[in-house]
Amino acid sequence: MDLALKIQALEKLQKEIVADIPDPWLFPEHGRVKGFLGPGPLMIVAERPSTGKFCGPSDCLLYFLLEKYGATDAHLTDVIKSRGKVDEPYPADIRPWRGRAS
C-alpha cells in the first residue's frame, strides 16, 4: 500500500476511534516518533493504556528506543483504546474495540 494511503487510512481510523470510544487514548506523536499514526512496517501492540498519561518512564523509554534504532515510523497501538485505572480489569463488553486493533 502506498505510504500516503496508509497515512490516510490511519487518520480515518483515528477519527472513528475518537468519535466512537469513550475517553480514547492513542499513542501520540512525540519527537520523531509518529505514534498511532506511524505508517511503517513495524506495529507494536500493547494490551491497553493503564492511565493514559504520557510520557511516563515506560513510554519515554519506548520512544527513546524507537528513535535509537530507527523505527520512528512504527505504528503504536493498544488493543483496548480507552483509559482505565491501574489494575482495573478489562471491560466486560469489548465490542467497541473489535476491528480496531490498529
Protein backbone atom coordinates (compact mmCIF):
# COMPACT_ATOMS: atom_id res chain seq x y z
CA MET A 1 0.00 0.00 0.00
CA ASP A 2 1.20 3.49 -0.85
CA LEU A 3 2.57 5.46 2.13
CA ALA A 4 0.10 8.32 1.62
CA LEU A 5 -2.81 5.84 1.56
CA LYS A 6 -1.58 4.22 4.79
CA ILE A 7 -1.44 7.60 6.50
CA GLN A 8 -4.94 8.49 5.23
CA ALA A 9 -6.31 5.16 6.48
CA LEU A 10 -4.73 5.67 9.91
CA GLU A 11 -6.08 9.23 10.14
CA LYS A 12 -9.57 7.98 9.24
CA LEU A 13 -9.35 5.22 11.84
CA GLN A 14 -8.14 7.73 14.43
CA LYS A 15 -11.18 9.94 13.78
CA GLU A 16 -13.53 6.95 14.07
CA ILE A 17 -11.97 5.86 17.37
CA VAL A 18 -12.16 9.35 18.84
CA ALA A 19 -15.82 9.63 17.76
CA ASP A 20 -16.90 6.17 18.98
CA ILE A 21 -14.82 5.24 22.03
CA PRO A 22 -15.40 6.88 25.43
CA ASP A 23 -12.25 8.54 26.78
CA PRO A 24 -10.00 7.22 24.00
CA TRP A 25 -6.23 7.23 24.20
CA LEU A 26 -3.91 6.75 21.24
CA PHE A 27 -0.12 6.87 21.25
CA PRO A 28 0.79 10.49 20.40
CA GLU A 29 3.47 11.77 18.09
CA HIS A 30 6.49 12.76 20.18
CA GLY A 31 9.81 13.91 18.82
CA ARG A 32 10.38 11.95 15.62
CA VAL A 33 8.17 9.01 16.70
CA LYS A 34 4.83 9.03 14.87
CA GLY A 35 2.91 7.01 17.49
CA PHE A 36 -0.54 5.82 16.39
CA LEU A 37 -0.11 7.48 13.01
CA GLY A 38 3.12 5.61 12.27
CA PRO A 39 2.76 4.07 8.80
CA GLY A 40 5.87 1.88 8.91
CA PRO A 41 6.11 -1.89 8.59
CA LEU A 42 6.58 -2.40 12.37
CA MET A 43 3.47 -2.49 14.57
CA ILE A 44 3.77 -2.55 18.36
CA VAL A 45 0.57 -3.58 20.15
CA ALA A 46 0.04 -3.16 23.89
CA GLU A 47 -2.90 -4.54 25.86
CA ARG A 48 -4.32 -1.21 26.98
CA PRO A 49 -3.24 2.09 28.44
CA SER A 50 -3.49 1.95 32.23
CA THR A 51 -3.90 5.65 32.91
CA GLY A 52 -3.24 7.18 29.53
CA LYS A 53 -0.64 9.52 30.99
CA PHE A 54 2.18 10.37 28.66
CA CYS A 55 5.25 10.44 28.95
CA GLY A 56 5.77 8.08 31.86
CA PRO A 57 9.02 6.16 32.29
CA SER A 58 7.94 3.23 30.08
CA ASP A 59 6.52 5.47 27.32
CA CYS A 60 9.63 7.64 27.26
CA LEU A 61 11.87 4.56 27.16
CA LEU A 62 9.85 3.07 24.29
CA TYR A 63 10.05 6.29 22.26
CA PHE A 64 13.77 6.66 23.04
CA LEU A 65 14.45 3.11 21.83
CA LEU A 66 12.36 3.58 18.68
CA GLU A 67 14.40 6.67 17.84
CA LYS A 68 17.69 4.98 18.72
CA TYR A 69 17.00 2.00 16.46
CA GLY A 70 15.48 3.94 13.57
CA ALA A 71 11.89 2.77 13.97
CA THR A 72 10.26 6.18 14.37
CA ASP A 73 7.58 5.30 11.81
CA ALA A 74 6.36 2.24 13.79
CA HIS A 75 2.61 2.06 14.34
CA LEU A 76 1.92 2.05 18.11
CA THR A 77 -1.47 0.94 19.36
CA ASP A 78 -3.39 -0.70 22.19
CA VAL A 79 -6.00 -3.46 21.87
CA ILE A 80 -8.28 -1.63 24.33
CA LYS A 81 -8.33 2.04 23.35
CA SER A 82 -9.93 3.67 26.40
CA ARG A 83 -8.11 4.72 29.51
CA GLY A 84 -8.50 2.75 32.68
CA LYS A 85 -7.09 2.77 36.15
CA VAL A 86 -4.06 0.83 37.30
CA ASP A 87 -5.01 -2.83 37.96
CA GLU A 88 -8.57 -2.25 36.69
CA PRO A 89 -9.93 -5.34 34.89
CA TYR A 90 -10.77 -5.22 31.21
CA PRO A 91 -14.27 -4.01 30.40
CA ALA A 92 -16.88 -6.79 30.29
CA ASP A 93 -18.03 -5.64 26.85
CA ILE A 94 -15.12 -5.34 24.42
CA ARG A 95 -17.28 -4.96 21.30
CA PRO A 96 -16.35 -1.28 20.81
CA TRP A 97 -12.73 -2.30 20.20
CA ARG A 98 -13.33 -5.23 17.86
CA GLY A 99 -11.96 -4.47 14.44
CA ARG A 100 -9.90 -1.59 15.78
CA ALA A 101 -6.70 -3.45 16.61
CA SER A 102 -4.80 -0.99 14.54
